[in-house]
Amino acid sequence: DAADGVFWPCPREDEADSPRLFADRFA
């Protein structure tokens, strides 16, 4: 509600979500 959407993966509430993947490594 606060951000109008949250990108996964998002393991912790006190960490940023993941609008962009693969910048440093692949999964």
mmCIF file of all heavy atoms, coordinates in Angstrom:
data_MODEL
# 
_entry.id   MODEL 
# 
loop_
_atom_site.group_PDB 
_atom_site.id 
_atom_site.type_symbol 
_atom_site.label_atom_id 
_atom_site.label_alt_id 
_atom_site.label_comp_id 
_atom_site.label_asym_id 
_atom_site.label_entity_id 
_atom_site.label_seq_id 
_atom_site.pdbx_PDB_ins_code 
_atom_site.Cartn_x 
_atom_site.Cartn_y 
_atom_site.Cartn_z 
_atom_site.occupancy 
_atom_site.B_iso_or_equiv 
_atom_site.pdbx_formal_charge 
_atom_site.auth_seq_id 
_atom_site.auth_comp_id 
_atom_site.auth_asym_id 
_atom_site.auth_atom_id 
_atom_site.pdbx_PDB_model_num 
ATOM 1   N N   . ASP A 1 1  ? 0.823  -1.211  0.000   1.00 0.00 ? 1  ASP A N   1 
ATOM 2   C CA  . ASP A 1 1  ? 0.000  0.000   0.000   1.00 0.00 ? 1  ASP A CA  1 
ATOM 3   C C   . ASP A 1 1  ? 0.858  1.263   0.000   1.00 0.00 ? 1  ASP A C   1 
ATOM 4   O O   . ASP A 1 1  ? 0.547  2.251   -0.666  1.00 0.00 ? 1  ASP A O   1 
ATOM 5   C CB  . ASP A 1 1  ? -0.919 0.009   1.218   1.00 0.00 ? 1  ASP A CB  1 
ATOM 6   C CG  . ASP A 1 1  ? -2.018 -1.041  1.134   1.00 0.00 ? 1  ASP A CG  1 
ATOM 7   O OD1 . ASP A 1 1  ? -2.237 -1.581  0.034   1.00 0.00 ? 1  ASP A OD1 1 
ATOM 8   O OD2 . ASP A 1 1  ? -2.642 -1.342  2.168   1.00 0.00 ? 1  ASP A OD2 1 
ATOM 9   N N   . ALA A 1 2  ? 1.953  1.212   0.755   1.00 0.00 ? 2  ALA A N   1 
ATOM 10  C CA  . ALA A 1 2  ? 2.803  2.395   0.870   1.00 0.00 ? 2  ALA A CA  1 
ATOM 11  C C   . ALA A 1 2  ? 3.554  2.684   -0.422  1.00 0.00 ? 2  ALA A C   1 
ATOM 12  O O   . ALA A 1 2  ? 3.799  3.845   -0.767  1.00 0.00 ? 2  ALA A O   1 
ATOM 13  C CB  . ALA A 1 2  ? 3.787  2.210   2.018   1.00 0.00 ? 2  ALA A CB  1 
ATOM 14  N N   . ALA A 1 3  ? 3.928  1.629   -1.153  1.00 0.00 ? 3  ALA A N   1 
ATOM 15  C CA  . ALA A 1 3  ? 4.768  1.809   -2.336  1.00 0.00 ? 3  ALA A CA  1 
ATOM 16  C C   . ALA A 1 3  ? 4.024  1.607   -3.646  1.00 0.00 ? 3  ALA A C   1 
ATOM 17  O O   . ALA A 1 3  ? 4.619  1.711   -4.716  1.00 0.00 ? 3  ALA A O   1 
ATOM 18  C CB  . ALA A 1 3  ? 5.948  0.838   -2.270  1.00 0.00 ? 3  ALA A CB  1 
ATOM 19  N N   . ASP A 1 4  ? 2.714  1.291   -3.582  1.00 0.00 ? 4  ASP A N   1 
ATOM 20  C CA  . ASP A 1 4  ? 1.939  0.975   -4.787  1.00 0.00 ? 4  ASP A CA  1 
ATOM 21  C C   . ASP A 1 4  ? 2.561  -0.190  -5.544  1.00 0.00 ? 4  ASP A C   1 
ATOM 22  O O   . ASP A 1 4  ? 2.648  -0.205  -6.769  1.00 0.00 ? 4  ASP A O   1 
ATOM 23  C CB  . ASP A 1 4  ? 1.816  2.184   -5.706  1.00 0.00 ? 4  ASP A CB  1 
ATOM 24  C CG  . ASP A 1 4  ? 0.397  2.277   -6.304  1.00 0.00 ? 4  ASP A CG  1 
ATOM 25  O OD1 . ASP A 1 4  ? -0.386 1.327   -6.118  1.00 0.00 ? 4  ASP A OD1 1 
ATOM 26  O OD2 . ASP A 1 4  ? 0.092  3.292   -6.945  1.00 0.00 ? 4  ASP A OD2 1 
ATOM 27  N N   . GLY A 1 5  ? 2.997  -1.198  -4.770  1.00 0.00 ? 5  GLY A N   1 
ATOM 28  C CA  . GLY A 1 5  ? 3.553  -2.396  -5.371  1.00 0.00 ? 5  GLY A CA  1 
ATOM 29  C C   . GLY A 1 5  ? 4.977  -2.648  -4.916  1.00 0.00 ? 5  GLY A C   1 
ATOM 30  O O   . GLY A 1 5  ? 5.754  -1.714  -4.712  1.00 0.00 ? 5  GLY A O   1 
ATOM 31  N N   . VAL A 1 6  ? 5.314  -3.929  -4.739  1.00 0.00 ? 6  VAL A N   1 
ATOM 32  C CA  . VAL A 1 6  ? 6.647  -4.331  -4.297  1.00 0.00 ? 6  VAL A CA  1 
ATOM 33  C C   . VAL A 1 6  ? 7.142  -5.441  -5.218  1.00 0.00 ? 6  VAL A C   1 
ATOM 34  O O   . VAL A 1 6  ? 6.433  -6.413  -5.470  1.00 0.00 ? 6  VAL A O   1 
ATOM 35  C CB  . VAL A 1 6  ? 6.631  -4.835  -2.836  1.00 0.00 ? 6  VAL A CB  1 
ATOM 36  C CG1 . VAL A 1 6  ? 8.028  -5.242  -2.399  1.00 0.00 ? 6  VAL A CG1 1 
ATOM 37  C CG2 . VAL A 1 6  ? 6.059  -3.765  -1.902  1.00 0.00 ? 6  VAL A CG2 1 
ATOM 38  N N   . PHE A 1 7  ? 8.375  -5.316  -5.717  1.00 0.00 ? 7  PHE A N   1 
ATOM 39  C CA  . PHE A 1 7  ? 8.936  -6.300  -6.640  1.00 0.00 ? 7  PHE A CA  1 
ATOM 40  C C   . PHE A 1 7  ? 9.575  -7.465  -5.876  1.00 0.00 ? 7  PHE A C   1 
ATOM 41  O O   . PHE A 1 7  ? 10.339 -7.246  -4.935  1.00 0.00 ? 7  PHE A O   1 
ATOM 42  C CB  . PHE A 1 7  ? 10.016 -5.659  -7.513  1.00 0.00 ? 7  PHE A CB  1 
ATOM 43  C CG  . PHE A 1 7  ? 9.516  -4.632  -8.489  1.00 0.00 ? 7  PHE A CG  1 
ATOM 44  C CD1 . PHE A 1 7  ? 9.340  -3.310  -8.112  1.00 0.00 ? 7  PHE A CD1 1 
ATOM 45  C CD2 . PHE A 1 7  ? 9.237  -4.983  -9.800  1.00 0.00 ? 7  PHE A CD2 1 
ATOM 46  C CE1 . PHE A 1 7  ? 8.895  -2.357  -9.012  1.00 0.00 ? 7  PHE A CE1 1 
ATOM 47  C CE2 . PHE A 1 7  ? 8.787  -4.043  -10.715 1.00 0.00 ? 7  PHE A CE2 1 
ATOM 48  C CZ  . PHE A 1 7  ? 8.617  -2.723  -10.325 1.00 0.00 ? 7  PHE A CZ  1 
ATOM 49  N N   . TRP A 1 8  ? 9.270  -8.695  -6.308  1.00 0.00 ? 8  TRP A N   1 
ATOM 50  C CA  . TRP A 1 8  ? 9.974  -9.843  -5.758  1.00 0.00 ? 8  TRP A CA  1 
ATOM 51  C C   . TRP A 1 8  ? 11.233 -10.095 -6.587  1.00 0.00 ? 8  TRP A C   1 
ATOM 52  O O   . TRP A 1 8  ? 11.288 -9.676  -7.746  1.00 0.00 ? 8  TRP A O   1 
ATOM 53  C CB  . TRP A 1 8  ? 9.073  -11.087 -5.704  1.00 0.00 ? 8  TRP A CB  1 
ATOM 54  C CG  . TRP A 1 8  ? 8.712  -11.713 -7.025  1.00 0.00 ? 8  TRP A CG  1 
ATOM 55  C CD1 . TRP A 1 8  ? 7.561  -11.537 -7.745  1.00 0.00 ? 8  TRP A CD1 1 
ATOM 56  C CD2 . TRP A 1 8  ? 9.505  -12.635 -7.792  1.00 0.00 ? 8  TRP A CD2 1 
ATOM 57  N NE1 . TRP A 1 8  ? 7.595  -12.277 -8.902  1.00 0.00 ? 8  TRP A NE1 1 
ATOM 58  C CE2 . TRP A 1 8  ? 8.777  -12.962 -8.962  1.00 0.00 ? 8  TRP A CE2 1 
ATOM 59  C CE3 . TRP A 1 8  ? 10.762 -13.226 -7.620  1.00 0.00 ? 8  TRP A CE3 1 
ATOM 60  C CZ2 . TRP A 1 8  ? 9.255  -13.842 -9.939  1.00 0.00 ? 8  TRP A CZ2 1 
ATOM 61  C CZ3 . TRP A 1 8  ? 11.243 -14.097 -8.597  1.00 0.00 ? 8  TRP A CZ3 1 
ATOM 62  C CH2 . TRP A 1 8  ? 10.492 -14.401 -9.738  1.00 0.00 ? 8  TRP A CH2 1 
ATOM 63  N N   . PRO A 1 9  ? 12.255 -10.773 -6.037  1.00 0.00 ? 9  PRO A N   1 
ATOM 64  C CA  . PRO A 1 9  ? 12.324 -11.290 -4.676  1.00 0.00 ? 9  PRO A CA  1 
ATOM 65  C C   . PRO A 1 9  ? 12.527 -10.173 -3.657  1.00 0.00 ? 9  PRO A C   1 
ATOM 66  O O   . PRO A 1 9  ? 13.201 -9.182  -3.939  1.00 0.00 ? 9  PRO A O   1 
ATOM 67  C CB  . PRO A 1 9  ? 13.534 -12.225 -4.722  1.00 0.00 ? 9  PRO A CB  1 
ATOM 68  C CG  . PRO A 1 9  ? 14.401 -11.673 -5.814  1.00 0.00 ? 9  PRO A CG  1 
ATOM 69  C CD  . PRO A 1 9  ? 13.440 -11.138 -6.838  1.00 0.00 ? 9  PRO A CD  1 
ATOM 70  N N   . CYS A 1 10 ? 11.956 -10.401 -2.483  1.00 0.00 ? 10 CYS A N   1 
ATOM 71  C CA  . CYS A 1 10 ? 12.041 -9.427  -1.402  1.00 0.00 ? 10 CYS A CA  1 
ATOM 72  C C   . CYS A 1 10 ? 12.072 -10.205 -0.086  1.00 0.00 ? 10 CYS A C   1 
ATOM 73  O O   . CYS A 1 10 ? 11.033 -10.393 0.554   1.00 0.00 ? 10 CYS A O   1 
ATOM 74  C CB  . CYS A 1 10 ? 10.843 -8.484  -1.466  1.00 0.00 ? 10 CYS A CB  1 
ATOM 75  S SG  . CYS A 1 10 ? 10.918 -7.145  -0.263  1.00 0.00 ? 10 CYS A SG  1 
ATOM 76  N N   . PRO A 1 11 ? 13.240 -10.674 0.332   1.00 0.00 ? 11 PRO A N   1 
ATOM 77  C CA  . PRO A 1 11 ? 13.324 -11.566 1.492   1.00 0.00 ? 11 PRO A CA  1 
ATOM 78  C C   . PRO A 1 11 ? 13.024 -10.918 2.835   1.00 0.00 ? 11 PRO A C   1 
ATOM 79  O O   . PRO A 1 11 ? 12.581 -11.594 3.751   1.00 0.00 ? 11 PRO A O   1 
ATOM 80  C CB  . PRO A 1 11 ? 14.779 -12.058 1.451   1.00 0.00 ? 11 PRO A CB  1 
ATOM 81  C CG  . PRO A 1 11 ? 15.260 -11.780 0.070   1.00 0.00 ? 11 PRO A CG  1 
ATOM 82  C CD  . PRO A 1 11 ? 14.520 -10.553 -0.363  1.00 0.00 ? 11 PRO A CD  1 
ATOM 83  N N   . ARG A 1 12 ? 13.286 -9.597  2.961   1.00 0.00 ? 12 ARG A N   1 
ATOM 84  C CA  . ARG A 1 12 ? 13.132 -8.954  4.270   1.00 0.00 ? 12 ARG A CA  1 
ATOM 85  C C   . ARG A 1 12 ? 12.396 -7.630  4.133   1.00 0.00 ? 12 ARG A C   1 
ATOM 86  O O   . ARG A 1 12 ? 12.572 -6.902  3.151   1.00 0.00 ? 12 ARG A O   1 
ATOM 87  C CB  . ARG A 1 12 ? 14.504 -8.709  4.901   1.00 0.00 ? 12 ARG A CB  1 
ATOM 88  C CG  . ARG A 1 12 ? 15.296 -9.977  5.242   1.00 0.00 ? 12 ARG A CG  1 
ATOM 89  C CD  . ARG A 1 12 ? 16.705 -9.613  5.706   1.00 0.00 ? 12 ARG A CD  1 
ATOM 90  N NE  . ARG A 1 12 ? 16.673 -8.671  6.818   1.00 0.00 ? 12 ARG A NE  1 
ATOM 91  C CZ  . ARG A 1 12 ? 16.598 -9.029  8.104   1.00 0.00 ? 12 ARG A CZ  1 
ATOM 92  N NH1 . ARG A 1 12 ? 16.563 -10.313 8.435   1.00 0.00 ? 12 ARG A NH1 1 
ATOM 93  N NH2 . ARG A 1 12 ? 16.580 -8.127  9.061   1.00 0.00 ? 12 ARG A NH2 1 
ATOM 94  N N   . GLU A 1 13 ? 11.617 -7.305  5.158   1.00 0.00 ? 13 GLU A N   1 
ATOM 95  C CA  . GLU A 1 13 ? 10.873 -6.048  5.134   1.00 0.00 ? 13 GLU A CA  1 
ATOM 96  C C   . GLU A 1 13 ? 11.783 -4.838  5.261   1.00 0.00 ? 13 GLU A C   1 
ATOM 97  O O   . GLU A 1 13 ? 11.421 -3.742  4.832   1.00 0.00 ? 13 GLU A O   1 
ATOM 98  C CB  . GLU A 1 13 ? 9.836  -6.027  6.258   1.00 0.00 ? 13 GLU A CB  1 
ATOM 99  C CG  . GLU A 1 13 ? 8.622  -6.878  5.981   1.00 0.00 ? 13 GLU A CG  1 
ATOM 100 C CD  . GLU A 1 13 ? 7.501  -6.579  6.948   1.00 0.00 ? 13 GLU A CD  1 
ATOM 101 O OE1 . GLU A 1 13 ? 6.894  -5.501  6.835   1.00 0.00 ? 13 GLU A OE1 1 
ATOM 102 O OE2 . GLU A 1 13 ? 7.234  -7.417  7.834   1.00 0.00 ? 13 GLU A OE2 1 
ATOM 103 N N   . ASP A 1 14 ? 12.937 -5.001  5.895   1.00 0.00 ? 14 ASP A N   1 
ATOM 104 C CA  . ASP A 1 14 ? 13.840 -3.873  6.095   1.00 0.00 ? 14 ASP A CA  1 
ATOM 105 C C   . ASP A 1 14 ? 14.878 -3.747  4.982   1.00 0.00 ? 14 ASP A C   1 
ATOM 106 O O   . ASP A 1 14 ? 15.856 -3.019  5.117   1.00 0.00 ? 14 ASP A O   1 
ATOM 107 C CB  . ASP A 1 14 ? 14.530 -3.970  7.454   1.00 0.00 ? 14 ASP A CB  1 
ATOM 108 C CG  . ASP A 1 14 ? 15.313 -5.265  7.622   1.00 0.00 ? 14 ASP A CG  1 
ATOM 109 O OD1 . ASP A 1 14 ? 15.276 -6.109  6.708   1.00 0.00 ? 14 ASP A OD1 1 
ATOM 110 O OD2 . ASP A 1 14 ? 15.944 -5.444  8.682   1.00 0.00 ? 14 ASP A OD2 1 
ATOM 111 N N   . GLU A 1 15 ? 14.675 -4.476  3.866   1.00 0.00 ? 15 GLU A N   1 
ATOM 112 C CA  . GLU A 1 15 ? 15.575 -4.379  2.732   1.00 0.00 ? 15 GLU A CA  1 
ATOM 113 C C   . GLU A 1 15 ? 14.811 -3.934  1.488   1.00 0.00 ? 15 GLU A C   1 
ATOM 114 O O   . GLU A 1 15 ? 13.589 -4.095  1.402   1.00 0.00 ? 15 GLU A O   1 
ATOM 115 C CB  . GLU A 1 15 ? 16.255 -5.727  2.465   1.00 0.00 ? 15 GLU A CB  1 
ATOM 116 C CG  . GLU A 1 15 ? 17.218 -6.158  3.553   1.00 0.00 ? 15 GLU A CG  1 
ATOM 117 C CD  . GLU A 1 15 ? 17.875 -7.490  3.241   1.00 0.00 ? 15 GLU A CD  1 
ATOM 118 O OE1 . GLU A 1 15 ? 17.508 -8.113  2.209   1.00 0.00 ? 15 GLU A OE1 1 
ATOM 119 O OE2 . GLU A 1 15 ? 18.731 -7.918  4.035   1.00 0.00 ? 15 GLU A OE2 1 
ATOM 120 N N   . ALA A 1 16 ? 15.544 -3.418  0.521   1.00 0.00 ? 16 ALA A N   1 
ATOM 121 C CA  . ALA A 1 16 ? 14.914 -2.972  -0.725  1.00 0.00 ? 16 ALA A CA  1 
ATOM 122 C C   . ALA A 1 16 ? 14.383 -4.165  -1.513  1.00 0.00 ? 16 ALA A C   1 
ATOM 123 O O   . ALA A 1 16 ? 14.866 -5.296  -1.381  1.00 0.00 ? 16 ALA A O   1 
ATOM 124 C CB  . ALA A 1 16 ? 15.931 -2.204  -1.563  1.00 0.00 ? 16 ALA A CB  1 
ATOM 125 N N   . ASP A 1 17 ? 13.365 -3.901  -2.331  1.00 0.00 ? 17 ASP A N   1 
ATOM 126 C CA  . ASP A 1 17 ? 12.850 -4.946  -3.214  1.00 0.00 ? 17 ASP A CA  1 
ATOM 127 C C   . ASP A 1 17 ? 13.710 -5.001  -4.481  1.00 0.00 ? 17 ASP A C   1 
ATOM 128 O O   . ASP A 1 17 ? 14.798 -4.413  -4.518  1.00 0.00 ? 17 ASP A O   1 
ATOM 129 C CB  . ASP A 1 17 ? 11.366 -4.714  -3.533  1.00 0.00 ? 17 ASP A CB  1 
ATOM 130 C CG  . ASP A 1 17 ? 11.110 -3.392  -4.244  1.00 0.00 ? 17 ASP A CG  1 
ATOM 131 O OD1 . ASP A 1 17 ? 12.038 -2.548  -4.295  1.00 0.00 ? 17 ASP A OD1 1 
ATOM 132 O OD2 . ASP A 1 17 ? 9.991  -3.194  -4.753  1.00 0.00 ? 17 ASP A OD2 1 
ATOM 133 N N   . SER A 1 18 ? 13.248 -5.710  -5.530  1.00 0.00 ? 18 SER A N   1 
ATOM 134 C CA  . SER A 1 18 ? 14.116 -6.008  -6.679  1.00 0.00 ? 18 SER A CA  1 
ATOM 135 C C   . SER A 1 18 ? 13.473 -5.649  -8.010  1.00 0.00 ? 18 SER A C   1 
ATOM 136 O O   . SER A 1 18 ? 13.088 -6.527  -8.794  1.00 0.00 ? 18 SER A O   1 
ATOM 137 C CB  . SER A 1 18 ? 14.460 -7.502  -6.674  1.00 0.00 ? 18 SER A CB  1 
ATOM 138 O OG  . SER A 1 18 ? 14.968 -7.911  -5.428  1.00 0.00 ? 18 SER A OG  1 
ATOM 139 N N   . PRO A 1 19 ? 13.359 -4.346  -8.320  1.00 0.00 ? 19 PRO A N   1 
ATOM 140 C CA  . PRO A 1 19 ? 12.779 -3.991  -9.633  1.00 0.00 ? 19 PRO A CA  1 
ATOM 141 C C   . PRO A 1 19 ? 13.646 -4.442  -10.797 1.00 0.00 ? 19 PRO A C   1 
ATOM 142 O O   . PRO A 1 19 ? 13.140 -4.704  -11.879 1.00 0.00 ? 19 PRO A O   1 
ATOM 143 C CB  . PRO A 1 19 ? 12.666 -2.465  -9.568  1.00 0.00 ? 19 PRO A CB  1 
ATOM 144 C CG  . PRO A 1 19 ? 13.599 -2.043  -8.481  1.00 0.00 ? 19 PRO A CG  1 
ATOM 145 C CD  . PRO A 1 19 ? 13.657 -3.163  -7.506  1.00 0.00 ? 19 PRO A CD  1 
ATOM 146 N N   . ARG A 1 20 ? 14.972 -4.560  -10.572 1.00 0.00 ? 20 ARG A N   1 
ATOM 147 C CA  . ARG A 1 20 ? 15.877 -5.003  -11.636 1.00 0.00 ? 20 ARG A CA  1 
ATOM 148 C C   . ARG A 1 20 ? 16.658 -6.226  -11.173 1.00 0.00 ? 20 ARG A C   1 
ATOM 149 O O   . ARG A 1 20 ? 17.186 -6.262  -10.065 1.00 0.00 ? 20 ARG A O   1 
ATOM 150 C CB  . ARG A 1 20 ? 16.867 -3.896  -12.011 1.00 0.00 ? 20 ARG A CB  1 
ATOM 151 C CG  . ARG A 1 20 ? 16.214 -2.661  -12.549 1.00 0.00 ? 20 ARG A CG  1 
ATOM 152 C CD  . ARG A 1 20 ? 17.251 -1.611  -12.924 1.00 0.00 ? 20 ARG A CD  1 
ATOM 153 N NE  . ARG A 1 20 ? 16.604 -0.353  -13.229 1.00 0.00 ? 20 ARG A NE  1 
ATOM 154 C CZ  . ARG A 1 20 ? 16.018 -0.077  -14.385 1.00 0.00 ? 20 ARG A CZ  1 
ATOM 155 N NH1 . ARG A 1 20 ? 16.051 -0.972  -15.358 1.00 0.00 ? 20 ARG A NH1 1 
ATOM 156 N NH2 . ARG A 1 20 ? 15.436 1.083   -14.588 1.00 0.00 ? 20 ARG A NH2 1 
ATOM 157 N N   . LEU A 1 21 ? 16.723 -7.206  -12.039 1.00 0.00 ? 21 LEU A N   1 
ATOM 158 C CA  . LEU A 1 21 ? 17.471 -8.416  -11.744 1.00 0.00 ? 21 LEU A CA  1 
ATOM 159 C C   . LEU A 1 21 ? 18.741 -8.463  -12.595 1.00 0.00 ? 21 LEU A C   1 
ATOM 160 O O   . LEU A 1 21 ? 18.858 -7.770  -13.605 1.00 0.00 ? 21 LEU A O   1 
ATOM 161 C CB  . LEU A 1 21 ? 16.627 -9.655  -12.033 1.00 0.00 ? 21 LEU A CB  1 
ATOM 162 C CG  . LEU A 1 21 ? 15.292 -9.769  -11.282 1.00 0.00 ? 21 LEU A CG  1 
ATOM 163 C CD1 . LEU A 1 21 ? 14.578 -11.065 -11.687 1.00 0.00 ? 21 LEU A CD1 1 
ATOM 164 C CD2 . LEU A 1 21 ? 15.487 -9.713  -9.779  1.00 0.00 ? 21 LEU A CD2 1 
ATOM 165 N N   . PHE A 1 22 ? 19.681 -9.317  -12.180 1.00 0.00 ? 22 PHE A N   1 
ATOM 166 C CA  . PHE A 1 22 ? 20.858 -9.712  -12.961 1.00 0.00 ? 22 PHE A CA  1 
ATOM 167 C C   . PHE A 1 22 ? 21.948 -8.650  -13.083 1.00 0.00 ? 22 PHE A C   1 
ATOM 168 O O   . PHE A 1 22 ? 22.862 -8.804  -13.892 1.00 0.00 ? 22 PHE A O   1 
ATOM 169 C CB  . PHE A 1 22 ? 20.477 -10.168 -14.384 1.00 0.00 ? 22 PHE A CB  1 
ATOM 170 C CG  . PHE A 1 22 ? 19.303 -11.103 -14.453 1.00 0.00 ? 22 PHE A CG  1 
ATOM 171 C CD1 . PHE A 1 22 ? 18.410 -11.024 -15.511 1.00 0.00 ? 22 PHE A CD1 1 
ATOM 172 C CD2 . PHE A 1 22 ? 19.094 -12.072 -13.474 1.00 0.00 ? 22 PHE A CD2 1 
ATOM 173 C CE1 . PHE A 1 22 ? 17.329 -11.895 -15.590 1.00 0.00 ? 22 PHE A CE1 1 
ATOM 174 C CE2 . PHE A 1 22 ? 18.015 -12.944 -13.555 1.00 0.00 ? 22 PHE A CE2 1 
ATOM 175 C CZ  . PHE A 1 22 ? 17.125 -12.845 -14.609 1.00 0.00 ? 22 PHE A CZ  1 
ATOM 176 N N   . ALA A 1 23 ? 21.890 -7.592  -12.297 1.00 0.00 ? 23 ALA A N   1 
ATOM 177 C CA  . ALA A 1 23 ? 22.935 -6.567  -12.402 1.00 0.00 ? 23 ALA A CA  1 
ATOM 178 C C   . ALA A 1 23 ? 24.303 -7.146  -12.068 1.00 0.00 ? 23 ALA A C   1 
ATOM 179 O O   . ALA A 1 23 ? 25.301 -6.830  -12.739 1.00 0.00 ? 23 ALA A O   1 
ATOM 180 C CB  . ALA A 1 23 ? 22.616 -5.396  -11.490 1.00 0.00 ? 23 ALA A CB  1 
ATOM 181 N N   . ASP A 1 24 ? 24.379 -7.984  -11.049 1.00 0.00 ? 24 ASP A N   1 
ATOM 182 C CA  . ASP A 1 24 ? 25.664 -8.528  -10.600 1.00 0.00 ? 24 ASP A CA  1 
ATOM 183 C C   . ASP A 1 24 ? 25.795 -10.025 -10.848 1.00 0.00 ? 24 ASP A C   1 
ATOM 184 O O   . ASP A 1 24 ? 26.896 -10.522 -11.083 1.00 0.00 ? 24 ASP A O   1 
ATOM 185 C CB  . ASP A 1 24 ? 25.859 -8.255  -9.107  1.00 0.00 ? 24 ASP A CB  1 
ATOM 186 C CG  . ASP A 1 24 ? 25.776 -6.781  -8.778  1.00 0.00 ? 24 ASP A CG  1 
ATOM 187 O OD1 . ASP A 1 24 ? 26.443 -6.000  -9.484  1.00 0.00 ? 24 ASP A OD1 1 
ATOM 188 O OD2 . ASP A 1 24 ? 25.038 -6.406  -7.855  1.00 0.00 ? 24 ASP A OD2 1 
ATOM 189 N N   . ARG A 1 25 ? 24.680 -10.752 -10.750 1.00 0.00 ? 25 ARG A N   1 
ATOM 190 C CA  . ARG A 1 25 ? 24.730 -12.196 -10.911 1.00 0.00 ? 25 ARG A CA  1 
ATOM 191 C C   . ARG A 1 25 ? 23.360 -12.707 -11.331 1.00 0.00 ? 25 ARG A C   1 
ATOM 192 O O   . ARG A 1 25 ? 22.346 -12.016 -11.186 1.00 0.00 ? 25 ARG A O   1 
ATOM 193 C CB  . ARG A 1 25 ? 25.178 -12.900 -9.617  1.00 0.00 ? 25 ARG A CB  1 
ATOM 194 C CG  . ARG A 1 25 ? 24.277 -12.635 -8.421  1.00 0.00 ? 25 ARG A CG  1 
ATOM 195 C CD  . ARG A 1 25 ? 24.766 -13.405 -7.176  1.00 0.00 ? 25 ARG A CD  1 
ATOM 196 N NE  . ARG A 1 25 ? 24.478 -14.833 -7.290  1.00 0.00 ? 25 ARG A NE  1 
ATOM 197 C CZ  . ARG A 1 25 ? 25.404 -15.784 -7.311  1.00 0.00 ? 25 ARG A CZ  1 
ATOM 198 N NH1 . ARG A 1 25 ? 26.680 -15.479 -7.218  1.00 0.00 ? 25 ARG A NH1 1 
ATOM 199 N NH2 . ARG A 1 25 ? 25.070 -17.059 -7.416  1.00 0.00 ? 25 ARG A NH2 1 
ATOM 200 N N   . PHE A 1 26 ? 23.364 -13.919 -11.866 1.00 0.00 ? 26 PHE A N   1 
ATOM 201 C CA  . PHE A 1 26 ? 22.113 -14.583 -12.219 1.00 0.00 ? 26 PHE A CA  1 
ATOM 202 C C   . PHE A 1 26 ? 21.740 -15.538 -11.088 1.00 0.00 ? 26 PHE A C   1 
ATOM 203 O O   . PHE A 1 26 ? 22.547 -15.803 -10.190 1.00 0.00 ? 26 PHE A O   1 
ATOM 204 C CB  . PHE A 1 26 ? 22.271 -15.311 -13.557 1.00 0.00 ? 26 PHE A CB  1 
ATOM 205 C CG  . PHE A 1 26 ? 22.470 -14.372 -14.711 1.00 0.00 ? 26 PHE A CG  1 
ATOM 206 C CD1 . PHE A 1 26 ? 23.752 -14.035 -15.141 1.00 0.00 ? 26 PHE A CD1 1 
ATOM 207 C CD2 . PHE A 1 26 ? 21.392 -13.795 -15.354 1.00 0.00 ? 26 PHE A CD2 1 
ATOM 208 C CE1 . PHE A 1 26 ? 23.953 -13.151 -16.189 1.00 0.00 ? 26 PHE A CE1 1 
ATOM 209 C CE2 . PHE A 1 26 ? 21.573 -12.912 -16.400 1.00 0.00 ? 26 PHE A CE2 1 
ATOM 210 C CZ  . PHE A 1 26 ? 22.856 -12.582 -16.821 1.00 0.00 ? 26 PHE A CZ  1 
ATOM 211 N N   . ALA A 1 27 ? 20.523 -16.054 -11.130 1.00 0.00 ? 27 ALA A N   1 
ATOM 212 C CA  . ALA A 1 27 ? 20.025 -16.881 -10.026 1.00 0.00 ? 27 ALA A CA  1 
ATOM 213 C C   . ALA A 1 27 ? 20.407 -18.345 -10.198 1.00 0.00 ? 27 ALA A C   1 
ATOM 214 O O   . ALA A 1 27 ? 19.626 -19.254 -9.934  1.00 0.00 ? 27 ALA A O   1 
ATOM 215 C CB  . ALA A 1 27 ? 18.507 -16.728 -9.924  1.00 0.00 ? 27 ALA A CB  1 
# 
